[in-house]
Amino acid sequence: MSEAVEKLLEQLEREAYVADPAIATSLHLAKELRKPLLVEGHAGVGKTEIAKVLARMLDTDLIRLQCYEGLDTSTALYEWNYPRQLLHIRMQEGATEAQIFSEQFLLKRPLLQAIAHSGKAPVLLIDEIDRSDEEFEAFLLEVLSDFQVTVPELGTIAARERPHVILTSNRSRELSDALRRRCLYLWIDYPPLSKELAIVRRKVPGASEELAAQIVALIQQLRHAKLAKVPGVSETLDWAAALVSLHASRLSREIVDETLGCVLKDEGDLRRVRIELDAGRLAV
């Protein structure tokens, strides 16, 4: 492991992000090569948090584009402030087109915010890219290639400094080979018991050693229980925080029953887990 990667691991540790050499190496290369980093993995394993931590480490702005089905280029790039333009026209007789379509009336959305950003290069988080459609993905390829956009009324706007780009995906659909080729790639799996325990200790310091160990052990069992919605690390942390707020020092069958809704988000999963607990196939 290189000295730079070791240093990055230490920085991540200071930011309370429990990482490993693969994560630190991917972040280091993305920073040095200024290539987008595509982070895939199960829901709730800390993909989005990587971008937040990177922005804190670089002491720069985090700009987030949350993707969803039907996301279009204007929502992601820019829109004109039509109500303000109309008001200006009413108040300023003889207003010219150049005045109306000027930067003061331009609403910069996340992609343009990142490109037109002044000062330190920001971190651009394109979250859950797999939820957008293929047309938007094709448009994004253009932006990631050149980091410049053309606003017909204003001309071409190019980035003074290329933003640091993190894309996340839960793999709800397959992304194109073209997008993958433009990115470095990182897969984040569910953590092993020792790493997840370290995350709980770091993020929920109020949990006793016994409680933290019991929570993680049960979560690890649940991930092998063929559930419809497998709990991620975020559910582990939610459960630990909830149990601390209830002043629990250890798990009991009663408190597990009462708080399973922190972990399981599907009625069928709740029924199945309670049956497994009753049968002794899941240990508390």
Protein backbone atom coordinates (compact mmCIF):
# COMPACT_ATOMS: atom_id res chain seq x y z
CA MET A 1 0.00 0.00 0.00
CA SER A 2 1.44 3.38 -1.03
CA GLU A 3 2.15 6.19 1.42
CA ALA A 4 -0.55 8.34 -0.24
CA VAL A 5 -3.18 5.63 0.24
CA GLU A 6 -2.14 5.14 3.87
CA LYS A 7 -2.48 8.86 4.46
CA LEU A 8 -5.92 8.86 2.86
CA LEU A 9 -6.99 5.96 5.09
CA GLU A 10 -5.97 8.03 8.10
CA GLN A 11 -7.96 11.02 6.81
CA LEU A 12 -11.02 8.81 6.31
CA GLU A 13 -10.61 7.49 9.83
CA ARG A 14 -10.52 11.07 11.18
CA GLU A 15 -13.77 11.74 9.31
CA ALA A 16 -15.33 8.70 11.07
CA TYR A 17 -15.56 6.73 7.81
CA VAL A 18 -14.42 3.16 8.38
CA ALA A 19 -12.73 2.35 5.08
CA ASP A 20 -10.38 -0.28 3.68
CA PRO A 21 -7.43 -0.08 1.24
CA ALA A 22 -9.67 -0.69 -1.81
CA ILE A 23 -11.88 2.31 -0.98
CA ALA A 24 -8.91 4.54 -0.15
CA THR A 25 -7.05 3.52 -3.33
CA SER A 26 -10.11 4.20 -5.51
CA LEU A 27 -10.57 7.65 -3.97
CA HIS A 28 -6.87 8.45 -4.33
CA LEU A 29 -6.85 7.49 -8.02
CA ALA A 30 -10.08 9.39 -8.71
CA LYS A 31 -8.51 12.51 -7.16
CA GLU A 32 -5.16 12.18 -8.90
CA LEU A 33 -6.47 11.19 -12.34
CA ARG A 34 -9.55 13.45 -12.09
CA LYS A 35 -11.71 10.63 -13.38
CA PRO A 36 -15.29 10.02 -12.21
CA LEU A 37 -15.64 7.22 -9.67
CA LEU A 38 -18.63 4.90 -10.09
CA VAL A 39 -19.52 3.32 -6.75
CA GLU A 40 -21.92 0.38 -6.84
CA GLY A 41 -23.24 -1.77 -4.02
CA HIS A 42 -26.26 -2.71 -1.98
CA ALA A 43 -28.48 -0.01 -0.53
CA GLY A 44 -27.27 1.40 2.77
CA VAL A 45 -23.60 0.41 2.60
CA GLY A 46 -22.18 3.96 2.61
CA LYS A 47 -21.86 4.84 -1.09
CA THR A 48 -23.29 8.36 -0.78
CA GLU A 49 -21.25 8.98 2.36
CA ILE A 50 -18.04 8.60 0.34
CA ALA A 51 -18.82 11.81 -1.59
CA LYS A 52 -19.71 13.68 1.61
CA VAL A 53 -16.49 12.61 3.31
CA LEU A 54 -14.43 13.50 0.22
CA ALA A 55 -15.90 17.02 0.18
CA ARG A 56 -15.04 17.46 3.88
CA MET A 57 -11.49 16.18 3.36
CA LEU A 58 -10.92 18.53 0.42
CA ASP A 59 -12.65 21.38 2.28
CA THR A 60 -14.83 22.09 -0.74
CA ASP A 61 -18.51 22.23 -1.68
CA LEU A 62 -20.61 19.13 -2.22
CA ILE A 63 -23.09 19.50 -5.09
CA ARG A 64 -25.64 16.70 -5.28
CA LEU A 65 -27.76 15.61 -8.20
CA GLN A 66 -30.38 13.12 -6.99
CA CYS A 67 -31.45 10.98 -9.94
CA TYR A 68 -34.95 9.62 -10.45
CA GLU A 69 -37.11 8.21 -13.23
CA GLY A 70 -38.03 10.99 -15.65
CA LEU A 71 -35.13 13.28 -14.70
CA ASP A 72 -34.53 15.60 -17.66
CA THR A 73 -31.64 17.76 -18.76
CA SER A 74 -33.21 21.08 -17.75
CA THR A 75 -33.75 19.89 -14.18
CA ALA A 76 -30.16 18.69 -14.00
CA LEU A 77 -28.49 21.50 -15.94
CA TYR A 78 -30.30 24.87 -15.99
CA GLU A 79 -33.64 26.62 -16.43
CA TRP A 80 -34.63 30.21 -17.07
CA ASN A 81 -36.44 32.05 -14.30
CA TYR A 82 -39.51 32.88 -16.40
CA PRO A 83 -41.55 34.64 -13.66
CA ARG A 84 -38.63 36.96 -12.95
CA GLN A 85 -38.08 37.58 -16.66
CA LEU A 86 -41.76 38.53 -17.11
CA LEU A 87 -41.58 40.86 -14.13
CA HIS A 88 -38.48 42.52 -15.60
CA ILE A 89 -40.24 42.98 -18.95
CA ARG A 90 -43.21 44.65 -17.23
CA MET A 91 -41.01 46.94 -15.18
CA GLN A 92 -38.51 47.78 -17.90
CA GLU A 93 -40.17 48.93 -21.09
CA GLY A 94 -38.04 48.19 -24.10
CA ALA A 95 -36.10 45.41 -22.36
CA THR A 96 -33.93 43.63 -24.92
CA GLU A 97 -33.53 39.91 -25.41
CA ALA A 98 -29.91 40.15 -24.25
CA GLN A 99 -31.09 41.68 -20.96
CA ILE A 100 -33.78 39.08 -20.43
CA PHE A 101 -31.56 36.11 -21.23
CA SER A 102 -28.65 37.14 -19.03
CA GLU A 103 -26.98 35.29 -16.17
CA GLN A 104 -29.06 37.01 -13.50
CA PHE A 105 -32.12 35.13 -14.79
CA LEU A 106 -30.35 31.78 -15.13
CA LEU A 107 -31.26 29.12 -12.58
CA LYS A 108 -28.22 26.86 -12.29
CA ARG A 109 -29.08 23.27 -11.48
CA PRO A 110 -26.51 20.81 -10.03
CA LEU A 111 -24.55 20.01 -13.21
CA LEU A 112 -24.14 23.65 -14.21
CA GLN A 113 -23.41 24.62 -10.59
CA ALA A 114 -20.49 22.17 -10.63
CA ILE A 115 -19.22 23.35 -14.01
CA ALA A 116 -19.56 27.09 -13.29
CA HIS A 117 -18.25 26.77 -9.72
CA SER A 118 -15.66 29.38 -8.78
CA GLY A 119 -12.84 28.64 -6.38
CA LYS A 120 -11.89 25.12 -5.32
CA ALA A 121 -13.12 22.28 -7.50
CA PRO A 122 -16.32 20.95 -5.89
CA VAL A 123 -17.35 17.34 -5.36
CA LEU A 124 -20.23 16.49 -7.69
CA LEU A 125 -22.34 13.61 -6.39
CA ILE A 126 -24.58 12.00 -9.02
CA ASP A 127 -26.64 9.84 -6.70
CA GLU A 128 -28.47 6.70 -7.84
CA ILE A 129 -27.66 7.15 -11.53
CA ASP A 130 -29.36 3.79 -12.18
CA ARG A 131 -32.75 5.39 -11.44
CA SER A 132 -32.46 7.78 -14.40
CA ASP A 133 -33.26 6.65 -17.94
CA GLU A 134 -30.87 5.79 -20.78
CA GLU A 135 -31.47 9.11 -22.55
CA PHE A 136 -30.31 11.08 -19.53
CA GLU A 137 -27.33 8.77 -19.12
CA ALA A 138 -26.28 9.51 -22.73
CA PHE A 139 -26.53 13.26 -22.03
CA LEU A 140 -24.43 12.80 -18.91
CA LEU A 141 -21.66 11.15 -20.93
CA GLU A 142 -21.24 14.39 -22.88
CA VAL A 143 -21.01 16.48 -19.73
CA LEU A 144 -18.50 14.12 -18.07
CA SER A 145 -16.32 14.09 -21.19
CA ASP A 146 -15.87 17.85 -21.61
CA PHE A 147 -17.17 19.50 -18.42
CA GLN A 148 -18.61 22.27 -20.50
CA VAL A 149 -22.13 23.10 -21.64
CA THR A 150 -23.56 25.49 -24.17
CA VAL A 151 -26.37 27.80 -23.15
CA PRO A 152 -27.60 29.12 -26.53
CA GLU A 153 -28.31 32.60 -25.18
CA LEU A 154 -24.99 32.90 -23.29
CA GLY A 155 -22.52 30.71 -25.17
CA THR A 156 -20.27 27.94 -23.86
CA ILE A 157 -19.58 27.68 -20.13
CA ALA A 158 -16.51 25.55 -19.32
CA ALA A 159 -15.26 24.40 -15.92
CA ARG A 160 -12.24 26.32 -14.64
CA GLU A 161 -11.36 23.21 -12.64
CA ARG A 162 -12.80 19.76 -13.29
CA PRO A 163 -15.06 18.76 -10.40
CA HIS A 164 -14.40 15.58 -8.46
CA VAL A 165 -17.25 13.30 -9.57
CA ILE A 166 -18.76 10.42 -7.60
CA LEU A 167 -21.60 8.42 -9.17
CA THR A 168 -23.54 5.88 -7.11
CA SER A 169 -25.72 3.00 -8.26
CA ASN A 170 -27.81 0.35 -6.50
CA ARG A 171 -27.89 -1.67 -9.76
CA SER A 172 -31.64 -1.38 -10.27
CA ARG A 173 -30.76 -1.39 -13.98
CA GLU A 174 -27.59 -2.08 -15.92
CA LEU A 175 -25.56 1.00 -16.82
CA SER A 176 -24.10 1.41 -20.29
CA ASP A 177 -20.59 0.24 -21.15
CA ALA A 178 -19.85 3.77 -22.40
CA LEU A 179 -20.50 5.25 -18.93
CA ARG A 180 -18.53 2.52 -17.20
CA ARG A 181 -15.52 3.09 -19.49
CA ARG A 182 -15.37 6.76 -18.49
CA CYS A 183 -15.23 5.93 -14.78
CA LEU A 184 -13.06 4.21 -12.24
CA TYR A 185 -15.07 1.49 -10.50
CA LEU A 186 -15.61 0.56 -6.86
CA TRP A 187 -17.89 -2.15 -5.50
CA ILE A 188 -18.89 -1.88 -1.83
CA ASP A 189 -20.31 -5.06 -0.34
CA TYR A 190 -21.92 -5.60 3.03
CA PRO A 191 -19.07 -5.37 5.54
CA PRO A 192 -17.78 -8.39 7.45
CA LEU A 193 -18.65 -8.59 11.14
CA SER A 194 -15.43 -6.99 12.40
CA LYS A 195 -15.73 -3.99 10.09
CA GLU A 196 -19.44 -3.46 10.79
CA LEU A 197 -18.72 -3.62 14.53
CA ALA A 198 -16.03 -0.96 14.09
CA ILE A 199 -18.55 1.22 12.21
CA VAL A 200 -21.12 0.91 15.02
CA ARG A 201 -18.51 1.71 17.67
CA ARG A 202 -17.43 4.78 15.71
CA LYS A 203 -20.86 6.09 14.74
CA VAL A 204 -22.87 5.14 17.86
CA PRO A 205 -20.41 5.50 20.75
CA GLY A 206 -23.25 5.32 23.28
CA ALA A 207 -23.83 1.63 22.54
CA SER A 208 -22.23 -0.74 25.04
CA GLU A 209 -19.72 -3.29 23.75
CA GLU A 210 -22.16 -6.12 24.41
CA LEU A 211 -25.06 -4.36 22.70
CA ALA A 212 -22.99 -3.40 19.65
CA ALA A 213 -21.71 -6.97 19.27
CA GLN A 214 -25.23 -8.43 19.60
CA ILE A 215 -26.72 -5.97 17.08
CA VAL A 216 -24.07 -6.70 14.46
CA ALA A 217 -24.23 -10.46 15.00
CA LEU A 218 -28.01 -10.48 14.45
CA ILE A 219 -27.80 -8.18 11.42
CA GLN A 220 -25.20 -10.50 9.88
CA GLN A 221 -27.60 -13.42 10.39
CA LEU A 222 -30.49 -11.48 8.82
CA ARG A 223 -28.46 -10.91 5.65
CA HIS A 224 -28.54 -14.68 5.06
CA ALA A 225 -32.27 -15.05 5.78
CA LYS A 226 -33.56 -14.56 2.19
CA LEU A 227 -35.35 -11.31 2.94
CA ALA A 228 -37.13 -9.11 0.40
CA LYS A 229 -35.27 -6.03 1.69
CA VAL A 230 -31.92 -6.89 3.23
CA PRO A 231 -30.82 -4.44 5.95
CA GLY A 232 -27.78 -2.32 5.13
CA VAL A 233 -25.29 -0.63 7.40
CA SER A 234 -27.59 2.40 7.65
CA GLU A 235 -30.25 0.16 9.26
CA THR A 236 -27.64 -1.24 11.63
CA LEU A 237 -26.76 2.29 12.76
CA ASP A 238 -30.43 3.32 13.01
CA TRP A 239 -31.14 0.30 15.20
CA ALA A 240 -28.12 0.92 17.42
CA ALA A 241 -29.09 4.58 17.89
CA ALA A 242 -32.71 3.60 18.65
CA LEU A 243 -31.65 1.05 21.26
CA VAL A 244 -29.30 3.55 22.90
CA SER A 245 -32.18 6.04 23.09
CA LEU A 246 -34.23 3.33 24.83
CA HIS A 247 -31.36 2.84 27.33
CA ALA A 248 -30.90 -0.79 26.28
CA SER A 249 -27.59 -2.30 27.38
CA ARG A 250 -28.14 -5.64 25.65
CA LEU A 251 -30.58 -7.35 23.29
CA SER A 252 -33.53 -9.38 24.52
CA ARG A 253 -36.22 -11.12 22.52
CA GLU A 254 -38.76 -8.57 23.77
CA ILE A 255 -36.79 -5.51 22.70
CA VAL A 256 -35.96 -7.10 19.33
CA ASP A 257 -39.70 -7.61 18.70
CA GLU A 258 -40.46 -4.01 19.65
CA THR A 259 -37.73 -2.44 17.49
CA LEU A 260 -37.54 -4.68 14.40
CA GLY A 261 -39.12 -1.85 12.39
CA CYS A 262 -35.78 -0.02 12.60
CA VAL A 263 -34.20 -2.85 10.62
CA LEU A 264 -36.87 -4.49 8.47
CA LYS A 265 -39.01 -2.42 6.10
CA ASP A 266 -41.26 -5.13 4.67
CA GLU A 267 -44.26 -6.82 6.37
CA GLY A 268 -43.38 -10.22 4.95
CA ASP A 269 -39.83 -9.91 6.25
CA LEU A 270 -41.13 -9.05 9.73
CA ARG A 271 -43.29 -12.18 9.78
CA ARG A 272 -40.50 -14.40 8.48
CA VAL A 273 -37.95 -13.14 11.00
CA ARG A 274 -40.35 -13.57 13.92
CA ILE A 275 -41.00 -17.16 12.82
CA GLU A 276 -37.24 -17.76 12.59
CA LEU A 277 -36.74 -16.28 16.07
CA ASP A 278 -39.54 -18.42 17.53
CA ALA A 279 -37.99 -21.52 15.97
CA GLY A 280 -34.57 -20.64 17.35
CA ARG A 281 -33.01 -20.47 13.90
CA LEU A 282 -31.99 -16.87 14.59
CA ALA A 283 -30.07 -16.30 17.81
CA VAL A 284 -30.54 -13.20 19.94
